[in-house]
């Protein structure tokens, strides 16, 4: 059991990649800001009010007590319903499990060294999800990648160590996250629970 149960049973999921920005304003009104390179993945997950307490209790307690806010765990958007639309691979390659690439830390693009056969269309479309290896960071494809191109532009600078490997794509990507907000539970009826807020999961950067 882990955070994945929350994702799999979500009523709604909001995914964002927000840059971390610090902003100050001096007495004369001058505004200064500093942005840390990159954008952090954050998931706001809402569970439906009215879930049965007797079947949900052990999962919710495990998240709150065993993991809480201090322990990181892996989540993915890979259940049948979610994978069919939310994390679906959009390109035209015959499959999405054999992309090979090289990358350099700090760059905002990767280079494909091998990819599944496609003679038309696109290898990736903007918004496709890719992960560098099976345990690297997850990035969004920033621009369409034509079938005869090997450069993939990303939504943020590469955090991973320079290297080469097989990409995880679409429903196969996973994020290493902390749960940074836990809702309180309400009992809204016999054997039914509600939630005072959403669960918020934030990407572990280091």
N, C-alpha and C. Protein backbone atom coordinates (compact mmCIF):
# COMPACT_ATOMS: atom_id res chain seq x y z
N UNK A 1 0.84 -1.20 0.00
CA UNK A 1 0.00 0.00 0.00
C UNK A 1 0.88 1.24 0.00
N UNK A 2 0.43 2.28 -0.67
CA UNK A 2 1.18 3.54 -0.69
C UNK A 2 0.24 4.64 -1.17
N UNK A 3 0.84 5.71 -1.66
CA UNK A 3 0.04 6.81 -2.21
C UNK A 3 -0.77 6.40 -3.44
N UNK A 4 -0.37 5.32 -4.09
CA UNK A 4 -1.00 4.96 -5.36
C UNK A 4 -2.50 4.71 -5.20
N UNK A 5 -2.92 4.22 -4.06
CA UNK A 5 -4.35 3.96 -3.84
C UNK A 5 -5.15 5.25 -3.96
N UNK A 6 -4.58 6.35 -3.47
CA UNK A 6 -5.26 7.65 -3.56
C UNK A 6 -5.42 8.04 -5.03
N UNK A 7 -4.37 7.86 -5.81
CA UNK A 7 -4.42 8.20 -7.23
C UNK A 7 -5.45 7.33 -7.96
N UNK A 8 -5.42 6.04 -7.69
CA UNK A 8 -6.30 5.11 -8.40
C UNK A 8 -7.77 5.33 -8.10
N UNK A 9 -8.06 5.90 -6.93
CA UNK A 9 -9.46 6.10 -6.53
C UNK A 9 -9.88 7.57 -6.57
N UNK A 10 -9.11 8.39 -7.28
CA UNK A 10 -9.39 9.83 -7.32
C UNK A 10 -10.71 10.15 -8.03
N UNK A 11 -11.40 11.12 -7.50
CA UNK A 11 -12.55 11.68 -8.21
C UNK A 11 -12.06 12.73 -9.22
N UNK A 12 -11.01 13.47 -8.84
CA UNK A 12 -10.39 14.44 -9.75
C UNK A 12 -8.91 14.56 -9.43
N UNK A 13 -8.12 14.85 -10.46
CA UNK A 13 -6.68 15.04 -10.32
C UNK A 13 -6.29 16.32 -11.05
N UNK A 14 -5.62 17.22 -10.36
CA UNK A 14 -5.07 18.42 -10.98
C UNK A 14 -3.56 18.29 -11.01
N UNK A 15 -2.98 18.31 -12.21
CA UNK A 15 -1.53 18.21 -12.35
C UNK A 15 -0.98 19.57 -12.78
N UNK A 16 0.04 20.03 -12.08
CA UNK A 16 0.70 21.28 -12.45
C UNK A 16 2.20 21.10 -12.38
N UNK A 17 2.92 21.92 -13.14
CA UNK A 17 4.38 21.99 -13.05
C UNK A 17 4.74 23.45 -12.82
N UNK A 18 4.81 23.81 -11.57
CA UNK A 18 5.00 25.20 -11.20
C UNK A 18 6.46 25.50 -10.91
N UNK A 19 6.94 26.59 -11.46
CA UNK A 19 8.28 27.04 -11.13
C UNK A 19 8.30 27.58 -9.70
N UNK A 20 9.44 27.40 -9.03
CA UNK A 20 9.61 27.94 -7.68
C UNK A 20 10.16 29.35 -7.80
N UNK A 21 9.39 30.35 -7.33
CA UNK A 21 9.74 31.76 -7.51
C UNK A 21 9.74 32.47 -6.16
N UNK A 22 10.80 33.24 -5.89
CA UNK A 22 10.85 34.11 -4.71
C UNK A 22 10.76 35.56 -5.20
N UNK A 23 9.90 36.35 -4.56
CA UNK A 23 9.67 37.72 -5.03
C UNK A 23 9.73 38.68 -3.85
N UNK A 24 10.41 39.81 -4.03
CA UNK A 24 10.46 40.86 -3.02
C UNK A 24 10.11 42.20 -3.65
N UNK A 25 9.63 43.12 -2.83
CA UNK A 25 9.31 44.46 -3.30
C UNK A 25 9.91 45.48 -2.35
N UNK A 26 10.72 46.38 -2.89
CA UNK A 26 11.38 47.39 -2.06
C UNK A 26 10.43 48.53 -1.76
N UNK A 27 10.88 49.46 -0.92
CA UNK A 27 10.03 50.58 -0.52
C UNK A 27 9.64 51.47 -1.68
N UNK A 28 10.51 51.56 -2.69
CA UNK A 28 10.18 52.42 -3.83
C UNK A 28 9.32 51.70 -4.87
N UNK A 29 8.91 50.48 -4.55
CA UNK A 29 8.02 49.75 -5.45
C UNK A 29 8.71 48.82 -6.43
N UNK A 30 10.05 48.80 -6.40
CA UNK A 30 10.77 47.92 -7.31
C UNK A 30 10.55 46.46 -6.93
N UNK A 31 10.16 45.67 -7.90
CA UNK A 31 9.90 44.25 -7.68
C UNK A 31 11.06 43.43 -8.23
N UNK A 32 11.58 42.55 -7.42
CA UNK A 32 12.64 41.65 -7.85
C UNK A 32 12.19 40.22 -7.61
N UNK A 33 12.54 39.35 -8.53
CA UNK A 33 12.20 37.97 -8.33
C UNK A 33 13.30 37.06 -8.84
N UNK A 34 13.40 35.92 -8.19
CA UNK A 34 14.37 34.90 -8.58
C UNK A 34 13.61 33.60 -8.77
N UNK A 35 13.80 32.97 -9.93
CA UNK A 35 13.15 31.69 -10.21
C UNK A 35 14.19 30.59 -10.24
N UNK A 36 13.93 29.52 -9.49
CA UNK A 36 14.81 28.37 -9.55
C UNK A 36 14.55 27.64 -10.85
N UNK A 37 15.62 27.31 -11.54
CA UNK A 37 15.49 26.66 -12.84
C UNK A 37 14.68 25.37 -12.69
N UNK A 38 13.72 25.18 -13.55
CA UNK A 38 12.91 23.98 -13.52
C UNK A 38 11.55 24.25 -12.94
N UNK A 39 10.68 23.27 -13.05
CA UNK A 39 9.32 23.37 -12.54
C UNK A 39 9.00 22.08 -11.81
N UNK A 40 8.34 22.22 -10.68
CA UNK A 40 8.08 21.09 -9.80
C UNK A 40 6.70 20.51 -10.11
N UNK A 41 6.63 19.20 -10.25
CA UNK A 41 5.34 18.53 -10.44
C UNK A 41 4.56 18.55 -9.12
N UNK A 42 3.28 18.86 -9.24
CA UNK A 42 2.40 18.82 -8.08
C UNK A 42 1.06 18.23 -8.50
N UNK A 43 0.51 17.37 -7.66
CA UNK A 43 -0.76 16.70 -7.93
C UNK A 43 -1.73 17.02 -6.79
N UNK A 44 -2.85 17.60 -7.13
CA UNK A 44 -3.91 17.83 -6.16
C UNK A 44 -5.01 16.80 -6.45
N UNK A 45 -5.22 15.93 -5.49
CA UNK A 45 -6.09 14.77 -5.71
C UNK A 45 -7.27 14.82 -4.75
N UNK A 46 -8.47 14.76 -5.31
CA UNK A 46 -9.69 14.78 -4.52
C UNK A 46 -10.35 13.41 -4.55
N UNK A 47 -10.70 12.90 -3.37
CA UNK A 47 -11.46 11.67 -3.27
C UNK A 47 -12.94 12.00 -3.08
N UNK A 48 -13.79 11.14 -3.58
CA UNK A 48 -15.24 11.39 -3.55
C UNK A 48 -15.78 11.28 -2.13
N UNK A 49 -16.61 12.23 -1.74
CA UNK A 49 -17.31 12.13 -0.46
C UNK A 49 -18.30 10.98 -0.53
N UNK A 50 -18.39 10.24 0.57
CA UNK A 50 -19.31 9.11 0.60
C UNK A 50 -18.64 7.77 0.42
N UNK A 51 -17.30 7.76 0.32
CA UNK A 51 -16.59 6.48 0.20
C UNK A 51 -16.85 5.63 1.44
N UNK A 52 -16.98 4.31 1.28
CA UNK A 52 -17.23 3.45 2.43
C UNK A 52 -16.02 3.38 3.37
N UNK A 53 -16.26 3.62 4.64
CA UNK A 53 -15.20 3.64 5.63
C UNK A 53 -14.60 2.25 5.83
N UNK A 54 -15.42 1.23 5.84
CA UNK A 54 -14.91 -0.09 6.18
C UNK A 54 -13.93 -0.63 5.13
N UNK A 55 -14.07 -0.24 3.86
CA UNK A 55 -13.14 -0.72 2.84
C UNK A 55 -12.00 0.26 2.55
N UNK A 56 -12.15 1.52 3.00
CA UNK A 56 -11.14 2.54 2.73
C UNK A 56 -10.21 2.78 3.91
N UNK A 57 -10.67 2.39 5.07
CA UNK A 57 -10.00 2.75 6.33
C UNK A 57 -8.52 2.39 6.35
N UNK A 58 -8.16 1.15 5.99
CA UNK A 58 -6.77 0.72 6.11
C UNK A 58 -5.86 1.44 5.14
N UNK A 59 -6.38 1.79 3.94
CA UNK A 59 -5.56 2.52 2.97
C UNK A 59 -5.31 3.96 3.43
N UNK A 60 -6.35 4.61 3.90
CA UNK A 60 -6.22 5.99 4.36
C UNK A 60 -5.32 6.08 5.59
N UNK A 61 -5.47 5.12 6.49
CA UNK A 61 -4.64 5.12 7.70
C UNK A 61 -3.18 4.86 7.36
N UNK A 62 -2.95 4.02 6.37
CA UNK A 62 -1.57 3.73 5.97
C UNK A 62 -0.89 4.98 5.43
N UNK A 63 -1.62 5.73 4.60
CA UNK A 63 -1.06 6.97 4.05
C UNK A 63 -0.78 7.97 5.16
N UNK A 64 -1.72 8.09 6.09
CA UNK A 64 -1.58 9.10 7.15
C UNK A 64 -0.53 8.72 8.18
N UNK A 65 -0.44 7.46 8.54
CA UNK A 65 0.44 7.05 9.63
C UNK A 65 1.79 6.50 9.16
N UNK A 66 1.76 5.63 8.18
CA UNK A 66 3.00 4.99 7.73
C UNK A 66 3.82 5.90 6.83
N UNK A 67 3.15 6.70 6.02
CA UNK A 67 3.87 7.59 5.10
C UNK A 67 3.87 9.02 5.63
N UNK A 68 2.70 9.56 5.93
CA UNK A 68 2.56 10.93 6.41
C UNK A 68 3.29 11.87 5.47
N UNK A 69 3.82 12.99 5.99
CA UNK A 69 4.46 13.98 5.13
C UNK A 69 5.97 13.80 5.03
N UNK A 70 6.51 12.82 5.73
CA UNK A 70 7.96 12.71 5.81
C UNK A 70 8.54 11.64 4.90
N UNK A 71 7.70 10.83 4.28
CA UNK A 71 8.18 9.70 3.50
C UNK A 71 7.79 9.86 2.04
N UNK A 72 8.72 9.62 1.15
CA UNK A 72 8.43 9.70 -0.28
C UNK A 72 8.03 8.33 -0.80
N UNK A 73 7.23 8.34 -1.86
CA UNK A 73 6.79 7.10 -2.49
C UNK A 73 6.51 7.38 -3.96
N UNK A 74 6.36 6.32 -4.72
CA UNK A 74 6.16 6.43 -6.16
C UNK A 74 4.68 6.40 -6.51
N UNK A 75 4.28 7.25 -7.47
CA UNK A 75 2.91 7.22 -8.00
C UNK A 75 2.97 7.21 -9.52
N UNK A 76 1.93 6.69 -10.13
CA UNK A 76 1.83 6.69 -11.58
C UNK A 76 0.39 6.86 -12.01
N UNK A 77 0.20 7.30 -13.24
CA UNK A 77 -1.15 7.44 -13.79
C UNK A 77 -1.31 6.33 -14.81
N UNK A 78 -1.54 5.14 -14.31
CA UNK A 78 -1.47 3.97 -15.17
C UNK A 78 -2.68 3.06 -15.10
N UNK A 79 -3.67 3.41 -14.29
CA UNK A 79 -4.87 2.58 -14.29
C UNK A 79 -5.56 2.69 -15.64
N UNK A 80 -6.38 1.72 -15.97
CA UNK A 80 -6.95 1.63 -17.31
C UNK A 80 -7.66 2.91 -17.73
N UNK A 81 -8.50 3.43 -16.87
CA UNK A 81 -9.26 4.64 -17.22
C UNK A 81 -8.38 5.85 -17.41
N UNK A 82 -7.44 6.06 -16.49
CA UNK A 82 -6.56 7.22 -16.57
C UNK A 82 -5.62 7.12 -17.76
N UNK A 83 -5.05 5.93 -17.98
CA UNK A 83 -4.08 5.76 -19.05
C UNK A 83 -4.72 5.96 -20.43
N UNK A 84 -6.00 5.73 -20.52
CA UNK A 84 -6.68 5.84 -21.81
C UNK A 84 -6.78 7.27 -22.30
N UNK A 85 -6.66 8.24 -21.38
CA UNK A 85 -6.80 9.63 -21.84
C UNK A 85 -5.84 10.59 -21.14
N UNK A 86 -5.63 10.45 -19.84
CA UNK A 86 -4.85 11.45 -19.12
C UNK A 86 -3.36 11.37 -19.43
N UNK A 87 -2.83 10.16 -19.54
CA UNK A 87 -1.40 10.00 -19.79
C UNK A 87 -1.13 9.28 -21.11
N UNK A 88 -2.08 9.26 -21.98
CA UNK A 88 -1.98 8.52 -23.25
C UNK A 88 -0.83 9.04 -24.13
N UNK A 89 -0.08 8.12 -24.73
CA UNK A 89 0.94 8.48 -25.71
C UNK A 89 0.23 8.97 -26.98
N UNK A 90 0.68 10.13 -27.51
CA UNK A 90 -0.01 10.76 -28.62
C UNK A 90 0.67 10.58 -29.98
N UNK A 91 1.89 10.05 -29.98
CA UNK A 91 2.64 9.94 -31.23
C UNK A 91 2.16 8.82 -32.13
N UNK A 92 2.87 8.65 -33.24
CA UNK A 92 2.49 7.68 -34.26
C UNK A 92 3.41 6.48 -34.36
N UNK A 93 4.38 6.35 -33.45
CA UNK A 93 5.27 5.19 -33.48
C UNK A 93 4.48 3.92 -33.17
N UNK A 94 4.99 2.79 -33.61
CA UNK A 94 4.26 1.53 -33.47
C UNK A 94 4.04 1.15 -32.01
N UNK A 95 4.90 1.62 -31.13
CA UNK A 95 4.70 1.45 -29.69
C UNK A 95 5.48 2.54 -28.97
N UNK A 96 5.42 2.56 -27.66
CA UNK A 96 6.12 3.61 -26.91
C UNK A 96 7.03 3.03 -25.83
N UNK A 97 7.50 1.80 -26.07
CA UNK A 97 8.33 1.16 -25.04
C UNK A 97 9.79 0.97 -25.45
N UNK A 98 10.16 1.41 -26.63
CA UNK A 98 11.53 1.17 -27.09
C UNK A 98 12.26 2.43 -27.53
N UNK A 99 11.95 3.55 -26.94
CA UNK A 99 12.69 4.78 -27.23
C UNK A 99 13.99 4.80 -26.43
N UNK A 100 15.12 5.00 -27.12
CA UNK A 100 16.42 5.15 -26.48
C UNK A 100 16.89 6.58 -26.68
N UNK A 101 17.58 7.14 -25.69
CA UNK A 101 18.00 8.54 -25.79
C UNK A 101 19.28 8.79 -25.01
N UNK A 102 19.91 9.91 -25.32
CA UNK A 102 21.02 10.43 -24.52
C UNK A 102 20.63 11.82 -24.04
N UNK A 103 21.17 12.23 -22.89
CA UNK A 103 20.81 13.53 -22.33
C UNK A 103 21.97 14.09 -21.52
N UNK A 104 21.94 15.40 -21.35
CA UNK A 104 22.97 16.12 -20.60
C UNK A 104 22.30 16.96 -19.53
N UNK A 105 22.75 16.82 -18.31
CA UNK A 105 22.18 17.58 -17.20
C UNK A 105 22.24 19.07 -17.49
N UNK A 106 21.14 19.77 -17.27
CA UNK A 106 21.07 21.21 -17.48
C UNK A 106 20.52 21.59 -18.84
N UNK A 107 20.57 20.69 -19.82
CA UNK A 107 19.99 20.98 -21.13
C UNK A 107 18.47 20.91 -21.06
N UNK A 108 17.82 21.49 -22.05
CA UNK A 108 16.36 21.45 -22.11
C UNK A 108 15.87 20.57 -23.26
N UNK A 109 16.74 19.70 -23.75
CA UNK A 109 16.33 18.75 -24.79
C UNK A 109 17.13 17.47 -24.63
N UNK A 110 16.59 16.39 -25.20
CA UNK A 110 17.30 15.12 -25.25
C UNK A 110 17.42 14.70 -26.71
N UNK A 111 18.32 13.76 -26.99
CA UNK A 111 18.51 13.27 -28.35
C UNK A 111 18.15 11.80 -28.43
N UNK A 112 17.21 11.47 -29.29
CA UNK A 112 16.83 10.07 -29.49
C UNK A 112 17.93 9.35 -30.26
N UNK A 113 18.35 8.20 -29.76
CA UNK A 113 19.36 7.40 -30.44
C UNK A 113 18.74 6.20 -31.12
N UNK A 114 17.54 5.83 -30.73
CA UNK A 114 16.80 4.75 -31.36
C UNK A 114 15.33 4.91 -30.99
N UNK A 115 14.44 4.57 -31.92
CA UNK A 115 13.01 4.72 -31.63
C UNK A 115 12.21 3.72 -32.44
N UNK A 116 11.01 3.39 -31.98
CA UNK A 116 10.16 2.48 -32.73
C UNK A 116 9.87 3.03 -34.13
N UNK A 117 9.65 2.16 -35.06
CA UNK A 117 9.48 2.55 -36.46
C UNK A 117 8.27 3.45 -36.67
N UNK A 118 8.48 4.54 -37.38
CA UNK A 118 7.39 5.36 -37.88
C UNK A 118 7.88 6.06 -39.14
N UNK A 119 7.07 6.05 -40.17
CA UNK A 119 7.47 6.65 -41.45
C UNK A 119 6.66 7.89 -41.78
N UNK A 120 5.83 8.31 -40.84
CA UNK A 120 5.05 9.53 -41.03
C UNK A 120 4.55 9.99 -39.67
N UNK A 121 4.01 11.19 -39.64
CA UNK A 121 3.44 11.68 -38.39
C UNK A 121 4.49 12.17 -37.41
N UNK A 122 4.36 11.74 -36.17
CA UNK A 122 5.18 12.29 -35.10
C UNK A 122 5.67 11.19 -34.16
N UNK A 123 6.90 11.36 -33.68
CA UNK A 123 7.40 10.48 -32.63
C UNK A 123 6.79 10.84 -31.29
N UNK A 124 6.69 12.16 -31.04
CA UNK A 124 6.03 12.67 -29.84
C UNK A 124 5.20 13.88 -30.23
N UNK A 125 4.15 14.13 -29.45
CA UNK A 125 3.39 15.36 -29.59
C UNK A 125 3.56 16.17 -28.30
N UNK A 126 3.40 17.47 -28.41
CA UNK A 126 3.52 18.34 -27.23
C UNK A 126 2.59 17.84 -26.12
N UNK A 127 3.14 17.73 -24.93
CA UNK A 127 2.36 17.26 -23.79
C UNK A 127 2.61 15.81 -23.44
N UNK A 128 3.24 15.05 -24.34
CA UNK A 128 3.58 13.66 -24.00
C UNK A 128 4.50 13.64 -22.77
N UNK A 129 4.35 12.60 -21.96
CA UNK A 129 5.15 12.45 -20.75
C UNK A 129 6.29 11.49 -21.02
N UNK A 130 7.50 11.88 -20.60
CA UNK A 130 8.65 10.98 -20.72
C UNK A 130 9.46 11.01 -19.42
N UNK A 131 10.03 9.88 -19.11
CA UNK A 131 10.87 9.73 -17.92
C UNK A 131 12.22 9.18 -18.37
N UNK A 132 13.28 9.74 -17.85
CA UNK A 132 14.62 9.31 -18.23
C UNK A 132 14.97 8.04 -17.46
N UNK A 133 14.84 6.89 -18.13
CA UNK A 133 15.04 5.62 -17.46
C UNK A 133 13.80 5.22 -16.69
N UNK A 134 13.97 4.26 -15.79
CA UNK A 134 12.82 3.78 -15.01
C UNK A 134 12.66 4.49 -13.68
N UNK A 135 13.65 5.30 -13.30
CA UNK A 135 13.58 5.97 -12.00
C UNK A 135 14.01 7.43 -12.06
N UNK A 136 14.13 7.98 -13.27
CA UNK A 136 14.53 9.37 -13.41
C UNK A 136 13.37 10.32 -13.21
N UNK A 137 13.60 11.59 -13.49
CA UNK A 137 12.56 12.60 -13.39
C UNK A 137 11.64 12.52 -14.61
N UNK A 138 10.44 13.06 -14.44
CA UNK A 138 9.45 13.08 -15.51
C UNK A 138 9.39 14.47 -16.13
N UNK A 139 9.33 14.52 -17.45
CA UNK A 139 9.30 15.77 -18.20
C UNK A 139 8.14 15.73 -19.19
N UNK A 140 7.69 16.91 -19.58
CA UNK A 140 6.69 17.01 -20.65
C UNK A 140 7.39 17.41 -21.94
N UNK A 141 6.96 16.82 -23.04
CA UNK A 141 7.47 17.22 -24.35
C UNK A 141 6.90 18.60 -24.66
N UNK A 142 7.78 19.55 -24.99
CA UNK A 142 7.35 20.94 -25.16
C UNK A 142 6.86 21.24 -26.57
N UNK A 143 7.35 20.49 -27.56
CA UNK A 143 6.96 20.73 -28.95
C UNK A 143 6.81 19.39 -29.67
N UNK A 144 5.99 19.37 -30.71
CA UNK A 144 5.85 18.17 -31.52
C UNK A 144 7.22 17.73 -32.06
N UNK A 145 7.43 16.42 -32.13
CA UNK A 145 8.67 15.86 -32.68
C UNK A 145 8.29 15.04 -33.92
N UNK A 146 8.66 15.54 -35.09
CA UNK A 146 8.31 14.87 -36.35
C UNK A 146 8.99 13.51 -36.45
N UNK A 147 8.44 12.64 -37.30
CA UNK A 147 8.93 11.26 -37.42
C UNK A 147 10.40 11.19 -37.84
N UNK A 148 10.90 12.23 -38.54
CA UNK A 148 12.29 12.22 -39.01
C UNK A 148 13.21 13.09 -38.16
N UNK A 149 12.77 13.45 -36.96
CA UNK A 149 13.59 14.26 -36.06
C UNK A 149 13.98 13.44 -34.83
N UNK A 150 15.15 13.77 -34.26
CA UNK A 150 15.62 13.06 -33.07
C UNK A 150 15.81 13.98 -31.86
N UNK A 151 15.45 15.25 -32.01
CA UNK A 151 15.57 16.20 -30.90
C UNK A 151 14.23 16.38 -30.22
N UNK A 152 14.20 16.17 -28.91
CA UNK A 152 12.98 16.30 -28.12
C UNK A 152 13.17 17.44 -27.13
N UNK A 153 12.45 18.54 -27.32
CA UNK A 153 12.52 19.67 -26.40
C UNK A 153 11.59 19.43 -25.21
N UNK A 154 12.08 19.80 -24.03
CA UNK A 154 11.37 19.51 -22.79
C UNK A 154 10.86 20.78 -22.12
N UNK A 155 9.98 20.59 -21.14
CA UNK A 155 9.37 21.73 -20.45
C UNK A 155 10.27 22.33 -19.38
N UNK A 156 11.37 21.66 -19.06
CA UNK A 156 12.28 22.19 -18.03
C UNK A 156 13.67 21.61 -18.25
N UNK A 157 14.64 22.24 -17.62
CA UNK A 157 16.02 21.76 -17.73
C UNK A 157 16.14 20.38 -17.08
N UNK A 158 17.03 19.57 -17.62
CA UNK A 158 17.20 18.20 -17.14
C UNK A 158 17.87 18.19 -15.77
N UNK A 159 17.22 17.53 -14.82
CA UNK A 159 17.74 17.43 -13.46
C UNK A 159 18.59 16.18 -13.28
N UNK A 160 18.37 15.18 -14.12
CA UNK A 160 19.07 13.91 -14.00
C UNK A 160 20.54 14.04 -14.39
N UNK A 161 21.35 13.14 -13.85
CA UNK A 161 22.76 13.07 -14.23
C UNK A 161 22.89 12.73 -15.71
N UNK A 162 23.86 13.33 -16.37
CA UNK A 162 24.12 13.06 -17.78
C UNK A 162 24.24 11.56 -18.02
N UNK A 163 23.56 11.09 -19.09
CA UNK A 163 23.61 9.65 -19.35
C UNK A 163 22.85 9.25 -20.59
N UNK A 164 22.65 7.96 -20.72
CA UNK A 164 21.88 7.38 -21.82
C UNK A 164 20.98 6.30 -21.24
N UNK A 165 19.92 5.95 -21.99
CA UNK A 165 19.07 4.88 -21.50
C UNK A 165 17.76 4.81 -22.23
N UNK A 166 16.91 3.93 -21.76
CA UNK A 166 15.58 3.74 -22.33
C UNK A 166 14.59 4.68 -21.65
N UNK A 167 13.77 5.32 -22.44
CA UNK A 167 12.77 6.23 -21.89
C UNK A 167 11.52 5.47 -21.45
N UNK A 168 10.95 5.88 -20.34
CA UNK A 168 9.58 5.46 -19.99
C UNK A 168 8.66 6.54 -20.55
N UNK A 169 7.57 6.13 -21.15
CA UNK A 169 6.70 7.07 -21.89
C UNK A 169 5.25 6.88 -21.49
N UNK A 170 4.51 7.99 -21.48
CA UNK A 170 3.06 7.95 -21.29
C UNK A 170 2.65 7.28 -19.99
N UNK A 171 1.78 6.27 -20.06
CA UNK A 171 1.29 5.61 -18.84
C UNK A 171 2.37 4.91 -18.04
N UNK A 172 3.56 4.72 -18.61
CA UNK A 172 4.62 4.00 -17.92
C UNK A 172 5.46 4.88 -16.98
N UNK A 173 5.28 6.20 -17.00
CA UNK A 173 6.10 7.07 -16.16
C UNK A 173 5.62 7.00 -14.71
N UNK A 174 6.54 7.24 -13.79
CA UNK A 174 6.20 7.33 -12.37
C UNK A 174 6.91 8.53 -11.76
N UNK A 175 6.31 9.10 -10.74
CA UNK A 175 6.88 10.23 -10.02
C UNK A 175 7.20 9.82 -8.59
N UNK A 176 8.32 10.30 -8.08
CA UNK A 176 8.68 10.12 -6.68
C UNK A 176 8.22 11.37 -5.94
N UNK A 177 7.28 11.21 -5.00
CA UNK A 177 6.61 12.38 -4.40
C UNK A 177 6.54 12.27 -2.88
N UNK A 178 6.32 13.43 -2.28
CA UNK A 178 5.90 13.53 -0.88
C UNK A 178 4.44 13.94 -0.84
N UNK A 179 3.73 13.54 0.18
CA UNK A 179 2.38 14.04 0.41
C UNK A 179 2.51 15.27 1.30
N UNK A 180 2.32 16.46 0.73
CA UNK A 180 2.53 17.71 1.45
C UNK A 180 1.25 18.28 2.06
N UNK A 181 0.12 17.67 1.76
CA UNK A 181 -1.14 18.06 2.41
C UNK A 181 -2.01 16.83 2.58
N UNK A 182 -2.44 16.61 3.81
CA UNK A 182 -3.36 15.52 4.14
C UNK A 182 -4.68 16.11 4.62
N UNK A 183 -5.81 15.69 4.06
CA UNK A 183 -7.09 16.22 4.53
C UNK A 183 -7.51 15.56 5.85
N UNK A 184 -8.38 16.24 6.58
CA UNK A 184 -9.05 15.60 7.70
C UNK A 184 -10.25 14.83 7.17
N UNK A 185 -10.69 13.85 7.94
CA UNK A 185 -11.81 13.01 7.53
C UNK A 185 -13.08 13.40 8.27
N UNK A 186 -14.19 13.43 7.55
CA UNK A 186 -15.51 13.64 8.13
C UNK A 186 -16.33 12.37 7.96
N UNK A 187 -17.13 12.04 8.97
CA UNK A 187 -18.10 10.96 8.81
C UNK A 187 -19.42 11.59 8.41
N UNK A 188 -19.82 11.34 7.18
CA UNK A 188 -20.98 12.03 6.60
C UNK A 188 -22.24 11.18 6.61
N UNK A 189 -22.14 9.98 7.07
CA UNK A 189 -23.28 9.06 7.16
C UNK A 189 -22.79 7.74 7.69
N UNK A 190 -23.68 6.82 7.88
CA UNK A 190 -23.27 5.51 8.39
C UNK A 190 -22.31 4.84 7.41
N UNK A 191 -21.10 4.60 7.90
CA UNK A 191 -20.05 3.94 7.10
C UNK A 191 -19.63 4.75 5.88
N UNK A 192 -19.82 6.07 5.92
CA UNK A 192 -19.42 6.93 4.81
C UNK A 192 -18.51 8.03 5.32
N UNK A 193 -17.49 8.37 4.51
CA UNK A 193 -16.55 9.40 4.92
C UNK A 193 -16.47 10.49 3.86
N UNK A 194 -16.12 11.68 4.32
CA UNK A 194 -15.84 12.81 3.45
C UNK A 194 -14.47 13.37 3.79
N UNK A 195 -14.03 14.34 3.00
CA UNK A 195 -12.68 14.88 3.14
C UNK A 195 -12.75 16.40 3.18
N UNK A 196 -12.03 17.01 4.13
CA UNK A 196 -12.08 18.46 4.30
C UNK A 196 -11.31 19.22 3.22
N UNK A 197 -10.41 18.54 2.53
CA UNK A 197 -9.61 19.18 1.49
C UNK A 197 -9.06 18.08 0.57
N UNK A 198 -8.16 18.45 -0.30
CA UNK A 198 -7.55 17.49 -1.21
C UNK A 198 -6.24 16.96 -0.64
N UNK A 199 -5.78 15.85 -1.18
CA UNK A 199 -4.41 15.41 -0.96
C UNK A 199 -3.53 16.15 -1.96
N UNK A 200 -2.37 16.60 -1.52
CA UNK A 200 -1.43 17.24 -2.43
C UNK A 200 -0.11 16.48 -2.38
N UNK A 201 0.33 16.05 -3.55
CA UNK A 201 1.60 15.33 -3.69
C UNK A 201 2.57 16.20 -4.48
N UNK A 202 3.77 16.37 -3.96
CA UNK A 202 4.77 17.24 -4.55
C UNK A 202 6.03 16.44 -4.87
N UNK A 203 6.55 16.64 -6.06
CA UNK A 203 7.71 15.90 -6.56
C UNK A 203 8.92 16.03 -5.62
N UNK A 204 9.57 14.92 -5.37
CA UNK A 204 10.83 14.89 -4.64
C UNK A 204 11.94 15.23 -5.64
N UNK A 205 12.65 16.31 -5.41
CA UNK A 205 13.67 16.76 -6.34
C UNK A 205 15.03 16.15 -6.09
N UNK A 206 15.33 15.80 -4.84
CA UNK A 206 16.64 15.25 -4.52
C UNK A 206 16.49 13.99 -3.68
